[in-house]
Amino acid sequence: MHLTILLFAAAKDHAGADSVSVELPTAATVATLRLELARRLPALSTLLTRSAIAVNHDFAENDRVLSPQDEVAIIPPVSGG
């Protein structure tokens, strides 16, 4: 299945783009997506372990199964004061 992943904040900075396309097996999970993104974009690997993944505007757990119609976004932690 083909997905376009939206990247925000530090994820966007590390990847050098505001989105990335990935090819995943049918019935892949958010955990599978994290592994594939870390493999393809090593600069994101540490950040991915701390980032939230949103699927269709809702935060998703690692066991969430993805479908080709899903809108997926990587939302890194935000710091500030």
N, C-alpha and C. Protein backbone atom coordinates (compact mmCIF):
# COMPACT_ATOMS: atom_id res chain seq x y z
N MET A 1 0.84 -1.17 0.00
CA MET A 1 0.00 0.00 0.00
C MET A 1 0.89 1.23 0.00
N HIS A 2 0.45 2.23 -0.69
CA HIS A 2 1.18 3.49 -0.81
C HIS A 2 0.55 4.53 0.11
N LEU A 3 1.39 5.18 0.94
CA LEU A 3 0.92 6.25 1.82
C LEU A 3 1.83 7.45 1.69
N THR A 4 1.25 8.63 1.81
CA THR A 4 2.01 9.86 1.92
C THR A 4 1.92 10.30 3.37
N ILE A 5 3.08 10.48 4.00
CA ILE A 5 3.15 10.82 5.41
C ILE A 5 3.48 12.30 5.53
N LEU A 6 2.65 13.03 6.25
CA LEU A 6 2.88 14.46 6.48
C LEU A 6 3.85 14.62 7.64
N LEU A 7 4.79 15.53 7.50
CA LEU A 7 5.81 15.77 8.51
C LEU A 7 5.69 17.19 9.05
N PHE A 8 5.80 17.33 10.35
CA PHE A 8 5.68 18.64 10.98
C PHE A 8 6.87 18.92 11.88
N ALA A 9 7.12 20.20 12.11
CA ALA A 9 8.13 20.70 13.04
C ALA A 9 9.50 20.05 12.79
N ALA A 10 10.10 19.48 13.83
CA ALA A 10 11.45 18.92 13.71
C ALA A 10 11.51 17.76 12.71
N ALA A 11 10.44 17.00 12.56
CA ALA A 11 10.43 15.90 11.58
C ALA A 11 10.60 16.46 10.17
N LYS A 12 9.93 17.54 9.91
CA LYS A 12 10.04 18.22 8.61
C LYS A 12 11.48 18.72 8.40
N ASP A 13 12.05 19.29 9.45
CA ASP A 13 13.43 19.80 9.36
C ASP A 13 14.43 18.67 9.10
N HIS A 14 14.31 17.57 9.83
CA HIS A 14 15.25 16.45 9.67
C HIS A 14 15.12 15.78 8.31
N ALA A 15 13.91 15.70 7.79
CA ALA A 15 13.70 15.04 6.50
C ALA A 15 13.97 15.98 5.33
N GLY A 16 13.93 17.27 5.58
CA GLY A 16 14.13 18.23 4.51
C GLY A 16 12.95 18.31 3.56
N ALA A 17 11.78 17.90 4.03
CA ALA A 17 10.56 17.92 3.21
C ALA A 17 9.35 17.94 4.14
N ASP A 18 8.21 18.37 3.61
CA ASP A 18 7.01 18.39 4.44
C ASP A 18 6.18 17.12 4.33
N SER A 19 6.62 16.19 3.47
CA SER A 19 5.95 14.89 3.37
C SER A 19 6.91 13.88 2.76
N VAL A 20 6.59 12.62 2.96
CA VAL A 20 7.38 11.53 2.39
C VAL A 20 6.41 10.42 1.99
N SER A 21 6.69 9.77 0.87
CA SER A 21 5.87 8.66 0.41
C SER A 21 6.53 7.35 0.80
N VAL A 22 5.72 6.42 1.27
CA VAL A 22 6.23 5.09 1.65
C VAL A 22 5.34 4.02 1.05
N GLU A 23 5.96 2.88 0.84
CA GLU A 23 5.25 1.69 0.37
C GLU A 23 5.29 0.69 1.53
N LEU A 24 4.12 0.27 1.99
CA LEU A 24 4.01 -0.66 3.11
C LEU A 24 3.18 -1.87 2.70
N PRO A 25 3.37 -2.99 3.39
CA PRO A 25 2.54 -4.15 3.09
C PRO A 25 1.09 -3.91 3.52
N THR A 26 0.17 -4.64 2.92
CA THR A 26 -1.23 -4.56 3.30
C THR A 26 -1.36 -4.88 4.78
N ALA A 27 -2.23 -4.15 5.46
CA ALA A 27 -2.49 -4.33 6.90
C ALA A 27 -1.28 -3.96 7.77
N ALA A 28 -0.42 -3.10 7.28
CA ALA A 28 0.70 -2.61 8.08
C ALA A 28 0.16 -1.79 9.25
N THR A 29 0.93 -1.75 10.31
CA THR A 29 0.54 -1.00 11.50
C THR A 29 1.37 0.29 11.62
N VAL A 30 1.01 1.11 12.57
CA VAL A 30 1.79 2.31 12.87
C VAL A 30 3.22 1.91 13.24
N ALA A 31 3.39 0.81 13.97
CA ALA A 31 4.74 0.35 14.32
C ALA A 31 5.54 0.01 13.07
N THR A 32 4.91 -0.64 12.10
CA THR A 32 5.57 -0.95 10.83
C THR A 32 5.99 0.33 10.13
N LEU A 33 5.13 1.33 10.15
CA LEU A 33 5.43 2.62 9.55
C LEU A 33 6.64 3.26 10.22
N ARG A 34 6.68 3.24 11.54
CA ARG A 34 7.82 3.81 12.27
C ARG A 34 9.13 3.14 11.82
N LEU A 35 9.12 1.82 11.74
CA LEU A 35 10.32 1.09 11.33
C LEU A 35 10.75 1.45 9.91
N GLU A 36 9.78 1.53 9.00
CA GLU A 36 10.10 1.86 7.61
C GLU A 36 10.64 3.29 7.49
N LEU A 37 10.05 4.22 8.20
CA LEU A 37 10.55 5.60 8.15
C LEU A 37 11.95 5.70 8.73
N ALA A 38 12.22 5.00 9.83
CA ALA A 38 13.56 5.01 10.42
C ALA A 38 14.58 4.40 9.47
N ARG A 39 14.18 3.36 8.75
CA ARG A 39 15.08 2.72 7.78
C ARG A 39 15.38 3.66 6.62
N ARG A 40 14.35 4.31 6.11
CA ARG A 40 14.52 5.18 4.94
C ARG A 40 15.11 6.53 5.27
N LEU A 41 14.83 7.03 6.46
CA LEU A 41 15.30 8.36 6.87
C LEU A 41 15.98 8.26 8.23
N PRO A 42 17.22 7.77 8.27
CA PRO A 42 17.90 7.57 9.55
C PRO A 42 17.95 8.82 10.44
N ALA A 43 17.95 9.99 9.83
CA ALA A 43 17.98 11.23 10.62
C ALA A 43 16.73 11.38 11.48
N LEU A 44 15.66 10.67 11.13
CA LEU A 44 14.41 10.74 11.89
C LEU A 44 14.30 9.66 12.97
N SER A 45 15.18 8.68 12.97
CA SER A 45 14.98 7.49 13.81
C SER A 45 14.81 7.82 15.29
N THR A 46 15.66 8.64 15.86
CA THR A 46 15.53 8.98 17.28
C THR A 46 14.25 9.79 17.54
N LEU A 47 13.97 10.70 16.66
CA LEU A 47 12.77 11.54 16.81
C LEU A 47 11.49 10.71 16.72
N LEU A 48 11.49 9.69 15.87
CA LEU A 48 10.29 8.87 15.69
C LEU A 48 9.89 8.14 16.97
N THR A 49 10.85 7.78 17.79
CA THR A 49 10.52 7.07 19.03
C THR A 49 9.78 7.97 20.01
N ARG A 50 9.94 9.28 19.86
CA ARG A 50 9.30 10.24 20.77
C ARG A 50 8.12 10.96 20.14
N SER A 51 7.87 10.73 18.87
CA SER A 51 6.82 11.46 18.15
C SER A 51 5.48 10.74 18.22
N ALA A 52 4.43 11.53 18.17
CA ALA A 52 3.08 10.98 18.03
C ALA A 52 2.81 10.75 16.55
N ILE A 53 1.98 9.77 16.27
CA ILE A 53 1.53 9.52 14.90
C ILE A 53 0.02 9.76 14.91
N ALA A 54 -0.43 10.60 14.02
CA ALA A 54 -1.86 10.85 13.88
C ALA A 54 -2.36 10.18 12.62
N VAL A 55 -3.47 9.49 12.74
CA VAL A 55 -4.12 8.84 11.61
C VAL A 55 -5.53 9.41 11.53
N ASN A 56 -5.82 10.08 10.42
CA ASN A 56 -7.12 10.71 10.22
C ASN A 56 -7.47 11.65 11.38
N HIS A 57 -6.48 12.46 11.78
CA HIS A 57 -6.62 13.51 12.79
C HIS A 57 -6.78 13.00 14.22
N ASP A 58 -6.55 11.72 14.46
CA ASP A 58 -6.58 11.16 15.81
C ASP A 58 -5.23 10.52 16.11
N PHE A 59 -4.75 10.69 17.36
CA PHE A 59 -3.52 10.04 17.74
C PHE A 59 -3.72 8.54 17.68
N ALA A 60 -2.71 7.82 17.18
CA ALA A 60 -2.83 6.38 16.96
C ALA A 60 -1.76 5.63 17.75
N GLU A 61 -2.14 4.50 18.28
CA GLU A 61 -1.20 3.60 18.97
C GLU A 61 -0.44 2.79 17.92
N ASN A 62 0.64 2.16 18.34
CA ASN A 62 1.48 1.38 17.42
C ASN A 62 0.76 0.20 16.79
N ASP A 63 -0.28 -0.31 17.41
CA ASP A 63 -0.98 -1.47 16.86
C ASP A 63 -2.11 -1.09 15.89
N ARG A 64 -2.29 0.18 15.65
CA ARG A 64 -3.32 0.64 14.71
C ARG A 64 -2.99 0.17 13.29
N VAL A 65 -3.92 -0.49 12.64
CA VAL A 65 -3.73 -0.95 11.27
C VAL A 65 -4.03 0.20 10.32
N LEU A 66 -3.16 0.40 9.35
CA LEU A 66 -3.30 1.49 8.38
C LEU A 66 -3.99 1.00 7.12
N SER A 67 -4.66 1.92 6.45
CA SER A 67 -5.25 1.62 5.15
C SER A 67 -4.81 2.69 4.15
N PRO A 68 -4.89 2.39 2.85
CA PRO A 68 -4.39 3.33 1.84
C PRO A 68 -5.10 4.69 1.85
N GLN A 69 -6.29 4.75 2.39
CA GLN A 69 -7.04 6.01 2.41
C GLN A 69 -6.70 6.91 3.60
N ASP A 70 -5.91 6.40 4.54
CA ASP A 70 -5.60 7.15 5.76
C ASP A 70 -4.74 8.37 5.49
N GLU A 71 -5.02 9.43 6.23
CA GLU A 71 -4.14 10.59 6.28
C GLU A 71 -3.27 10.41 7.52
N VAL A 72 -1.96 10.33 7.31
CA VAL A 72 -1.04 10.03 8.41
C VAL A 72 -0.07 11.19 8.58
N ALA A 73 0.18 11.56 9.84
CA ALA A 73 1.10 12.66 10.13
C ALA A 73 2.01 12.30 11.29
N ILE A 74 3.25 12.75 11.20
CA ILE A 74 4.23 12.61 12.28
C ILE A 74 4.24 13.93 13.04
N ILE A 75 3.99 13.86 14.35
CA ILE A 75 3.93 15.06 15.18
C ILE A 75 4.97 14.94 16.28
N PRO A 76 6.12 15.58 16.11
CA PRO A 76 7.18 15.50 17.12
C PRO A 76 6.78 16.23 18.41
N PRO A 77 7.46 15.90 19.50
CA PRO A 77 7.20 16.63 20.75
C PRO A 77 7.59 18.10 20.57
N VAL A 78 6.89 18.94 21.28
CA VAL A 78 7.14 20.38 21.20
C VAL A 78 7.64 20.85 22.54
N SER A 79 8.67 21.67 22.52
CA SER A 79 9.15 22.25 23.77
C SER A 79 9.05 23.76 23.65
N GLY A 80 9.01 24.39 24.76
CA GLY A 80 8.92 25.84 24.74
C GLY A 80 8.64 26.35 26.14
N GLY A 81 8.47 27.61 26.22
CA GLY A 81 8.27 28.16 27.55
C GLY A 81 7.24 29.21 27.58
